[in-house]
Amino acid sequence: MDEVESRYLNIVIFKDGELKLLQFSYENEDYISPIKTTVEGKVPSLKEYTDDWALNTIIHVDGGQYIGFVRNDGSFAVHNVPPGSYVFQAVNPDFDFEPVRVDVNSKGKIRVRKVNYIQSSQVEVVPHPIKFRLRGPINYFQKRETWRITDMLLSPMVLMMVLPLVVIGVLPKLINTQDPETQKELQNQMSNMPKYDMPDLSEMFTSLLGGSTKSTVKSKGKRRKD
């Protein structure tokens, strides 16, 4: 049944030295109020965790635009919901529930679907009345990290020291150097490498040390002649 809107007209008059307020009411038959419906559902029982879970659980519609209260058996009802699309969320300080989206059309028909913020066009319908699904307890604290031996072994400095040693020890075993073909290939690679005239360190040191000894001998000979 359509509702008729009642409107009031206020008129202020001055009579007998006083201000008087006259109020006239009239009805607007062209105004038709939208159909409001009731959304029902159920929250899984948490009685095994706490006894007062129903008192601490509230149904929020679009972050608190509408509110529903949970009965002891877990059922709830949110009344006077106008047409639109709403997100229903069961809010509890200790447990997290999966939200659902409820679409109410102009005729009061209800469609419940899962919330998908990434792909909003993807619709996965769930039955009505709503049945909230428990995700688990809410963890407000992060576990403190403890020292482990793997943290030291997997550090970059240790890997930089260990990996070359592993390569040096394992690579010769993987390559069979006793194979004649492998030896020829290695020799060809060595012969094709460019050769640089690098001085021999041993000769350089002997020349330096030898030159210094000769100079000392010559200086001693001159002293003797003098």
Protein backbone atom coordinates (compact mmCIF):
# COMPACT_ATOMS: atom_id res chain seq x y z
CA MET A 1 0.00 0.00 0.00
CA ASP A 2 1.41 3.39 -1.04
CA GLU A 3 1.99 6.00 1.61
CA VAL A 4 0.70 9.57 1.23
CA GLU A 5 2.95 12.42 2.32
CA SER A 6 1.46 14.95 4.77
CA ARG A 7 2.68 18.53 4.54
CA TYR A 8 2.10 21.53 6.80
CA LEU A 9 1.67 25.24 6.04
CA ASN A 10 2.53 27.67 8.83
CA ILE A 11 1.07 31.21 8.82
CA VAL A 12 1.91 33.86 11.39
CA ILE A 13 -0.75 36.59 11.96
CA PHE A 14 -1.02 39.56 14.28
CA LYS A 15 -4.34 39.61 16.16
CA ASP A 16 -5.44 41.36 19.36
CA GLY A 17 -1.93 42.69 19.94
CA GLU A 18 -0.40 39.20 19.83
CA LEU A 19 1.40 37.07 17.28
CA LYS A 20 -0.43 33.85 16.56
CA LEU A 21 0.69 30.83 14.59
CA LEU A 22 -1.84 29.10 12.36
CA GLN A 23 -0.91 25.65 10.99
CA PHE A 24 -2.73 24.06 8.08
CA SER A 25 -2.11 20.50 6.94
CA TYR A 26 -2.68 19.06 3.50
CA GLU A 27 -1.86 15.80 1.76
CA ASN A 28 0.20 15.33 -1.38
CA GLU A 29 -1.27 12.38 -3.27
CA ASP A 30 1.46 12.50 -5.94
CA TYR A 31 4.16 11.49 -3.43
CA ILE A 32 4.78 7.74 -3.20
CA SER A 33 7.37 6.56 -0.68
CA PRO A 34 9.86 3.91 -1.84
CA ILE A 35 9.32 0.32 -0.79
CA LYS A 36 11.52 -0.56 2.16
CA THR A 37 12.39 -4.14 2.91
CA THR A 38 13.91 -6.25 5.68
CA VAL A 39 17.19 -8.07 5.16
CA GLU A 40 17.66 -11.15 7.34
CA GLY A 41 20.57 -13.44 7.98
CA LYS A 42 22.56 -15.47 10.47
CA VAL A 43 26.00 -15.29 12.06
CA PRO A 44 27.82 -18.53 12.96
CA SER A 45 27.82 -19.17 16.69
CA LEU A 46 30.96 -18.31 18.65
CA LYS A 47 29.73 -19.75 21.92
CA GLU A 48 32.66 -22.14 22.11
CA TYR A 49 35.01 -19.14 22.27
CA THR A 50 33.01 -16.68 24.40
CA ASP A 51 29.56 -16.55 25.97
CA ASP A 52 28.78 -12.90 25.22
CA TRP A 53 29.63 -13.09 21.52
CA ALA A 54 26.11 -12.06 20.44
CA LEU A 55 26.27 -8.86 22.50
CA ASN A 56 29.62 -7.93 20.98
CA THR A 57 28.58 -8.63 17.39
CA ILE A 58 26.83 -5.92 15.36
CA ILE A 59 25.69 -5.92 11.74
CA HIS A 60 26.98 -2.86 9.90
CA VAL A 61 25.44 -1.77 6.61
CA ASP A 62 27.78 0.46 4.56
CA GLY A 63 29.97 1.17 7.57
CA GLY A 64 27.13 1.93 9.99
CA GLN A 65 24.50 3.62 7.82
CA TYR A 66 22.12 0.95 9.11
CA ILE A 67 22.70 -1.29 12.11
CA GLY A 68 21.34 -4.69 13.08
CA PHE A 69 21.67 -6.57 16.34
CA VAL A 70 22.38 -10.28 16.67
CA ARG A 71 20.14 -12.56 18.70
CA ASN A 72 21.45 -15.36 20.91
CA ASP A 73 20.87 -17.93 18.16
CA GLY A 74 22.90 -15.85 15.67
CA SER A 75 19.97 -14.55 13.60
CA PHE A 76 19.49 -10.87 12.80
CA ALA A 77 17.20 -8.58 10.79
CA VAL A 78 17.86 -5.10 9.41
CA HIS A 79 14.55 -3.30 8.82
CA ASN A 80 13.53 -0.41 6.57
CA VAL A 81 16.29 -0.85 4.00
CA PRO A 82 15.51 1.29 0.91
CA PRO A 83 16.41 0.25 -2.65
CA GLY A 84 20.12 0.33 -3.37
CA SER A 85 23.34 -1.66 -3.09
CA TYR A 86 24.84 -2.16 0.37
CA VAL A 87 27.77 -4.00 1.97
CA PHE A 88 26.75 -6.03 5.03
CA GLN A 89 29.50 -6.76 7.54
CA ALA A 90 29.33 -8.66 10.84
CA VAL A 91 31.60 -6.69 13.20
CA ASN A 92 33.15 -8.37 16.23
CA PRO A 93 36.22 -7.15 18.16
CA ASP A 94 37.78 -10.62 18.28
CA PHE A 95 36.69 -12.38 15.06
CA ASP A 96 36.62 -11.49 11.38
CA PHE A 97 33.71 -12.34 9.07
CA GLU A 98 33.54 -12.23 5.28
CA PRO A 99 31.32 -9.34 4.07
CA VAL A 100 28.57 -9.67 1.44
CA ARG A 101 26.89 -7.22 -0.90
CA VAL A 102 23.10 -6.94 -0.88
CA ASP A 103 21.22 -5.41 -3.84
CA VAL A 104 17.63 -4.27 -3.23
CA ASN A 105 15.60 -3.20 -6.29
CA SER A 106 12.64 -0.84 -6.41
CA LYS A 107 10.20 -3.72 -5.94
CA GLY A 108 11.88 -4.89 -2.75
CA LYS A 109 13.54 -7.94 -4.29
CA ILE A 110 16.82 -8.92 -2.61
CA ARG A 111 19.94 -10.34 -4.25
CA VAL A 112 22.97 -11.32 -2.16
CA ARG A 113 26.42 -11.74 -3.73
CA LYS A 114 30.02 -11.97 -2.64
CA VAL A 115 32.09 -8.81 -2.35
CA ASN A 116 34.71 -8.47 -5.09
CA TYR A 117 36.50 -5.12 -5.03
CA ILE A 118 38.99 -6.10 -7.74
CA GLN A 119 36.51 -7.40 -10.34
CA SER A 120 33.28 -5.66 -9.47
CA SER A 121 31.58 -6.87 -12.66
CA GLN A 122 32.04 -10.51 -11.63
CA VAL A 123 28.89 -11.56 -9.78
CA GLU A 124 28.74 -14.66 -7.57
CA VAL A 125 25.28 -14.96 -6.08
CA VAL A 126 24.75 -16.50 -2.64
CA PRO A 127 21.39 -17.44 -1.09
CA HIS A 128 19.25 -15.19 1.06
CA PRO A 129 18.92 -15.05 4.13
CA ILE A 130 22.55 -14.14 4.56
CA LYS A 131 24.94 -16.65 6.12
CA PHE A 132 28.16 -14.98 7.18
CA ARG A 133 31.33 -17.06 6.93
CA LEU A 134 33.91 -16.89 9.72
CA ARG A 135 37.44 -16.10 8.56
CA GLY A 136 39.12 -16.55 11.91
CA PRO A 137 40.30 -14.63 14.96
CA ILE A 138 41.69 -11.14 14.50
CA ASN A 139 45.39 -10.79 15.24
CA TYR A 140 46.16 -7.26 16.42
CA PHE A 141 49.85 -7.97 17.14
CA GLN A 142 52.71 -9.11 14.97
CA LYS A 143 54.91 -11.93 16.24
CA ARG A 144 58.37 -10.79 17.22
CA GLU A 145 61.09 -12.07 14.93
CA THR A 146 63.68 -14.41 16.49
CA TRP A 147 67.27 -15.09 15.43
CA ARG A 148 67.76 -18.14 13.24
CA ILE A 149 70.88 -19.78 11.85
CA THR A 150 69.42 -19.61 8.34
CA ASP A 151 69.41 -15.81 8.52
CA MET A 152 73.20 -15.85 8.84
CA LEU A 153 73.75 -18.53 6.18
CA LEU A 154 71.54 -16.73 3.66
CA SER A 155 73.14 -13.34 4.20
CA PRO A 156 74.72 -11.79 1.05
CA MET A 157 78.25 -11.73 2.51
CA VAL A 158 78.23 -15.44 3.33
CA LEU A 159 76.82 -16.31 -0.08
CA MET A 160 79.53 -14.25 -1.79
CA MET A 161 82.22 -16.23 0.06
CA VAL A 162 80.68 -19.70 -0.17
CA LEU A 163 79.44 -19.78 -3.77
CA PRO A 164 82.87 -19.25 -5.39
CA LEU A 165 84.35 -22.03 -3.25
CA VAL A 166 81.55 -24.36 -4.26
CA VAL A 167 82.07 -23.53 -7.94
CA ILE A 168 85.82 -24.10 -7.67
CA GLY A 169 85.33 -27.44 -5.95
CA VAL A 170 82.47 -28.77 -8.04
CA LEU A 171 83.31 -27.51 -11.53
CA PRO A 172 86.48 -29.61 -12.05
CA LYS A 173 84.55 -32.73 -11.08
CA LEU A 174 81.85 -31.97 -13.58
CA ILE A 175 84.37 -31.57 -16.41
CA ASN A 176 86.32 -34.72 -17.24
CA THR A 177 89.83 -33.37 -17.86
CA GLN A 178 91.20 -36.86 -18.54
CA ASP A 179 89.26 -37.05 -21.79
CA PRO A 180 91.63 -36.43 -24.78
CA GLU A 181 89.04 -34.42 -26.65
CA THR A 182 88.49 -32.20 -23.62
CA GLN A 183 92.23 -31.69 -23.26
CA LYS A 184 92.55 -30.68 -26.91
CA GLU A 185 89.67 -28.25 -26.56
CA LEU A 186 91.24 -26.66 -23.49
CA GLN A 187 94.61 -26.38 -25.27
CA ASN A 188 93.00 -24.70 -28.26
CA GLN A 189 91.26 -22.24 -25.98
CA MET A 190 94.54 -21.46 -24.23
CA SER A 191 96.37 -21.00 -27.54
CA ASN A 192 93.67 -18.68 -28.89
CA MET A 193 93.89 -16.45 -25.85
CA PRO A 194 95.91 -13.22 -26.46
CA LYS A 195 99.37 -13.25 -24.99
CA TYR A 196 100.71 -10.29 -23.09
CA ASP A 197 104.41 -9.68 -22.35
CA MET A 198 104.23 -9.58 -18.61
CA PRO A 199 107.51 -9.45 -16.69
CA ASP A 200 108.31 -12.37 -14.50
CA LEU A 201 108.10 -11.37 -10.84
CA SER A 202 111.00 -13.60 -9.82
CA GLU A 203 113.34 -12.07 -12.43
CA MET A 204 112.22 -8.59 -11.48
CA PHE A 205 112.97 -9.19 -7.81
CA THR A 206 116.38 -10.80 -8.55
CA SER A 207 117.34 -7.92 -10.81
CA LEU A 208 116.41 -5.40 -8.18
CA LEU A 209 118.19 -7.27 -5.43
CA GLY A 210 121.17 -8.03 -7.66
CA GLY A 211 121.56 -4.40 -8.72
CA SER A 212 121.56 -3.27 -5.11
CA THR A 213 124.23 -5.81 -4.13
CA LYS A 214 126.49 -4.77 -7.04
CA SER A 215 126.25 -1.13 -6.09
CA THR A 216 127.21 -1.91 -2.49
CA VAL A 217 130.19 -3.97 -3.66
CA LYS A 218 131.44 -1.13 -5.88
CA SER A 219 131.15 1.40 -3.07
CA LYS A 220 133.18 -0.85 -0.74
CA GLY A 221 135.93 -1.24 -3.39
CA LYS A 222 136.29 2.48 -3.79
CA ARG A 223 136.65 2.95 -0.08
CA ARG A 224 139.43 0.39 0.08
CA LYS A 225 141.37 2.10 -2.74
CA ASP A 226 141.13 5.38 -0.94
